[in-house]
């Protein structure tokens, strides 16, 4: 997995956008809704969204967003206890806009 200059994994750049997307969706959403909101907000082309992982199981974009969600859930920022729905917790709502440094801290 390519690293950013600060040595954080590539998916860390999606931590803030996942929180922002869920906020725009009213506090919760399905993974495809979250990915769509992120792609729109960050102007990610359909071609980039569709780039597959070497395994071909899912796209790199989908994988990166899911890793961001994983760390947000482990940190208590997202409740994913309802299958197929990601929900912001109060902890995430208090964050506001997440900086790159805060995203690295969450990771």
C-alpha atoms as a PDB file:
ATOM      1  CA  UNK A   1       0.000   0.000   0.000  1.00  0.00           C
ATOM      2  CA  UNK A   2       1.501   3.389  -0.985  1.00  0.00           C
ATOM      3  CA  UNK A   3       2.413   5.595   1.933  1.00  0.00           C
ATOM      4  CA  UNK A   4       1.907   9.333   2.353  1.00  0.00           C
ATOM      5  CA  UNK A   5       4.945  11.471   3.128  1.00  0.00           C
ATOM      6  CA  UNK A   6       4.127  11.346   6.860  1.00  0.00           C
ATOM      7  CA  UNK A   7       4.182   7.524   6.671  1.00  0.00           C
ATOM      8  CA  UNK A   8       0.450   7.129   7.308  1.00  0.00           C
ATOM      9  CA  UNK A   9      -1.306   4.537   5.139  1.00  0.00           C
ATOM     10  CA  UNK A  10      -3.109   5.876   2.082  1.00  0.00           C
ATOM     11  CA  UNK A  11      -6.587   5.198   3.515  1.00  0.00           C
ATOM     12  CA  UNK A  12      -6.018   7.730   6.331  1.00  0.00           C
ATOM     13  CA  UNK A  13      -6.889  10.487   3.848  1.00  0.00           C
ATOM     14  CA  UNK A  14     -10.474   9.146   3.830  1.00  0.00           C
ATOM     15  CA  UNK A  15     -11.033   9.318   7.605  1.00  0.00           C
ATOM     16  CA  UNK A  16     -12.201  12.944   7.558  1.00  0.00           C
ATOM     17  CA  UNK A  17     -14.255  12.513   4.380  1.00  0.00           C
ATOM     18  CA  UNK A  18     -16.094   9.492   5.869  1.00  0.00           C
ATOM     19  CA  UNK A  19     -17.123  11.582   8.883  1.00  0.00           C
ATOM     20  CA  UNK A  20     -18.071  14.530   6.659  1.00  0.00           C
ATOM     21  CA  UNK A  21     -20.084  12.317   4.297  1.00  0.00           C
ATOM     22  CA  UNK A  22     -22.013  10.753   7.167  1.00  0.00           C
ATOM     23  CA  UNK A  23     -22.738  14.232   8.506  1.00  0.00           C
ATOM     24  CA  UNK A  24     -24.091  15.297   5.117  1.00  0.00           C
ATOM     25  CA  UNK A  25     -26.229  12.154   5.012  1.00  0.00           C
ATOM     26  CA  UNK A  26     -27.885  13.088   8.305  1.00  0.00           C
ATOM     27  CA  UNK A  27     -25.616  11.095  10.604  1.00  0.00           C
ATOM     28  CA  UNK A  28     -25.855   7.652   9.059  1.00  0.00           C
ATOM     29  CA  UNK A  29     -25.700   5.944   5.711  1.00  0.00           C
ATOM     30  CA  UNK A  30     -25.031   2.785   3.797  1.00  0.00           C
ATOM     31  CA  UNK A  31     -21.483   2.208   2.547  1.00  0.00           C
ATOM     32  CA  UNK A  32     -22.405   2.930  -1.082  1.00  0.00           C
ATOM     33  CA  UNK A  33     -24.029   6.234  -0.070  1.00  0.00           C
ATOM     34  CA  UNK A  34     -20.930   7.212   1.897  1.00  0.00           C
ATOM     35  CA  UNK A  35     -18.594   6.327  -0.975  1.00  0.00           C
ATOM     36  CA  UNK A  36     -20.796   8.284  -3.387  1.00  0.00           C
ATOM     37  CA  UNK A  37     -20.753  11.360  -1.154  1.00  0.00           C
ATOM     38  CA  UNK A  38     -16.971  11.129  -0.761  1.00  0.00           C
ATOM     39  CA  UNK A  39     -16.427  10.709  -4.502  1.00  0.00           C
ATOM     40  CA  UNK A  40     -18.613  13.737  -5.201  1.00  0.00           C
ATOM     41  CA  UNK A  41     -16.995  15.906  -2.503  1.00  0.00           C
ATOM     42  CA  UNK A  42     -13.449  15.005  -3.576  1.00  0.00           C
ATOM     43  CA  UNK A  43     -14.178  14.970  -7.323  1.00  0.00           C
ATOM     44  CA  UNK A  44     -13.028  11.370  -7.685  1.00  0.00           C
ATOM     45  CA  UNK A  45     -13.627  10.143 -11.219  1.00  0.00           C
ATOM     46  CA  UNK A  46     -15.586   6.985 -11.929  1.00  0.00           C
ATOM     47  CA  UNK A  47     -12.461   5.518 -13.519  1.00  0.00           C
ATOM     48  CA  UNK A  48     -10.476   6.103 -10.312  1.00  0.00           C
ATOM     49  CA  UNK A  49     -13.322   4.687  -8.197  1.00  0.00           C
ATOM     50  CA  UNK A  50     -13.344   1.538 -10.346  1.00  0.00           C
ATOM     51  CA  UNK A  51      -9.606   0.738 -10.212  1.00  0.00           C
ATOM     52  CA  UNK A  52      -9.509  -2.831  -8.887  1.00  0.00           C
ATOM     53  CA  UNK A  53      -7.263  -4.240  -6.237  1.00  0.00           C
ATOM     54  CA  UNK A  54      -4.910  -6.965  -7.504  1.00  0.00           C
ATOM     55  CA  UNK A  55      -7.322  -9.539  -6.039  1.00  0.00           C
ATOM     56  CA  UNK A  56     -10.137  -8.132  -8.171  1.00  0.00           C
ATOM     57  CA  UNK A  57     -12.537  -8.559  -5.243  1.00  0.00           C
ATOM     58  CA  UNK A  58     -13.242  -4.838  -4.841  1.00  0.00           C
ATOM     59  CA  UNK A  59     -12.004  -1.479  -6.032  1.00  0.00           C
ATOM     60  CA  UNK A  60      -9.073   0.235  -4.365  1.00  0.00           C
ATOM     61  CA  UNK A  61     -11.337   3.214  -3.514  1.00  0.00           C
ATOM     62  CA  UNK A  62     -13.921   0.970  -1.851  1.00  0.00           C
ATOM     63  CA  UNK A  63     -11.170  -0.809   0.077  1.00  0.00           C
ATOM     64  CA  UNK A  64      -9.605   2.469   1.260  1.00  0.00           C
ATOM     65  CA  UNK A  65     -12.955   3.846   2.462  1.00  0.00           C
ATOM     66  CA  UNK A  66     -13.688   0.607   4.297  1.00  0.00           C
ATOM     67  CA  UNK A  67     -10.310   0.710   6.069  1.00  0.00           C
ATOM     68  CA  UNK A  68     -11.044   4.286   7.145  1.00  0.00           C
ATOM     69  CA  UNK A  69     -14.413   3.107   8.505  1.00  0.00           C
ATOM     70  CA  UNK A  70     -12.723   0.228  10.321  1.00  0.00           C
ATOM     71  CA  UNK A  71     -10.415   2.572  12.251  1.00  0.00           C
ATOM     72  CA  UNK A  72     -13.243   5.041  12.907  1.00  0.00           C
ATOM     73  CA  UNK A  73     -15.340   2.211  14.357  1.00  0.00           C
ATOM     74  CA  UNK A  74     -12.427   0.955  16.498  1.00  0.00           C
ATOM     75  CA  UNK A  75     -11.923   4.506  17.797  1.00  0.00           C
ATOM     76  CA  UNK A  76     -15.583   4.923  18.709  1.00  0.00           C
ATOM     77  CA  UNK A  77     -16.363   7.526  16.026  1.00  0.00           C
ATOM     78  CA  UNK A  78     -18.711   5.302  14.028  1.00  0.00           C
ATOM     79  CA  UNK A  79     -21.218   2.732  15.199  1.00  0.00           C
ATOM     80  CA  UNK A  80     -21.422  -0.063  12.663  1.00  0.00           C
ATOM     81  CA  UNK A  81     -23.433  -2.455  14.826  1.00  0.00           C
ATOM     82  CA  UNK A  82     -26.383  -2.346  12.427  1.00  0.00           C
ATOM     83  CA  UNK A  83     -25.419  -4.440   9.408  1.00  0.00           C
ATOM     84  CA  UNK A  84     -24.898  -2.293   6.328  1.00  0.00           C
ATOM     85  CA  UNK A  85     -25.352   1.058   8.118  1.00  0.00           C
ATOM     86  CA  UNK A  86     -22.627   3.348   9.405  1.00  0.00           C
ATOM     87  CA  UNK A  87     -23.708   5.856  12.059  1.00  0.00           C
ATOM     88  CA  UNK A  88     -21.769   8.732  13.577  1.00  0.00           C
ATOM     89  CA  UNK A  89     -21.370   8.636  17.336  1.00  0.00           C
ATOM     90  CA  UNK A  90     -21.484  11.695  19.572  1.00  0.00           C
ATOM     91  CA  UNK A  91     -17.682  11.521  19.726  1.00  0.00           C
ATOM     92  CA  UNK A  92     -17.498  12.038  15.959  1.00  0.00           C
ATOM     93  CA  UNK A  93     -20.131  14.786  15.968  1.00  0.00           C
ATOM     94  CA  UNK A  94     -18.015  16.768  18.432  1.00  0.00           C
ATOM     95  CA  UNK A  95     -14.977  16.617  16.129  1.00  0.00           C
ATOM     96  CA  UNK A  96     -16.246  18.891  13.397  1.00  0.00           C
ATOM     97  CA  UNK A  97     -13.983  19.034  10.349  1.00  0.00           C
ATOM     98  CA  UNK A  98     -11.142  16.509  10.720  1.00  0.00           C
ATOM     99  CA  UNK A  99      -7.656  17.747   9.863  1.00  0.00           C
ATOM    100  CA  UNK A 100      -4.964  15.526   8.367  1.00  0.00           C
ATOM    101  CA  UNK A 101      -3.186  15.488  11.746  1.00  0.00           C
ATOM    102  CA  UNK A 102      -6.386  14.428  13.538  1.00  0.00           C
ATOM    103  CA  UNK A 103      -6.944  11.682  10.948  1.00  0.00           C
ATOM    104  CA  UNK A 104      -3.442  10.348  11.668  1.00  0.00           C
ATOM    105  CA  UNK A 105      -4.194  10.431  15.420  1.00  0.00           C
ATOM    106  CA  UNK A 106      -7.416   8.470  14.885  1.00  0.00           C
ATOM    107  CA  UNK A 107      -5.440   5.893  12.907  1.00  0.00           C
END
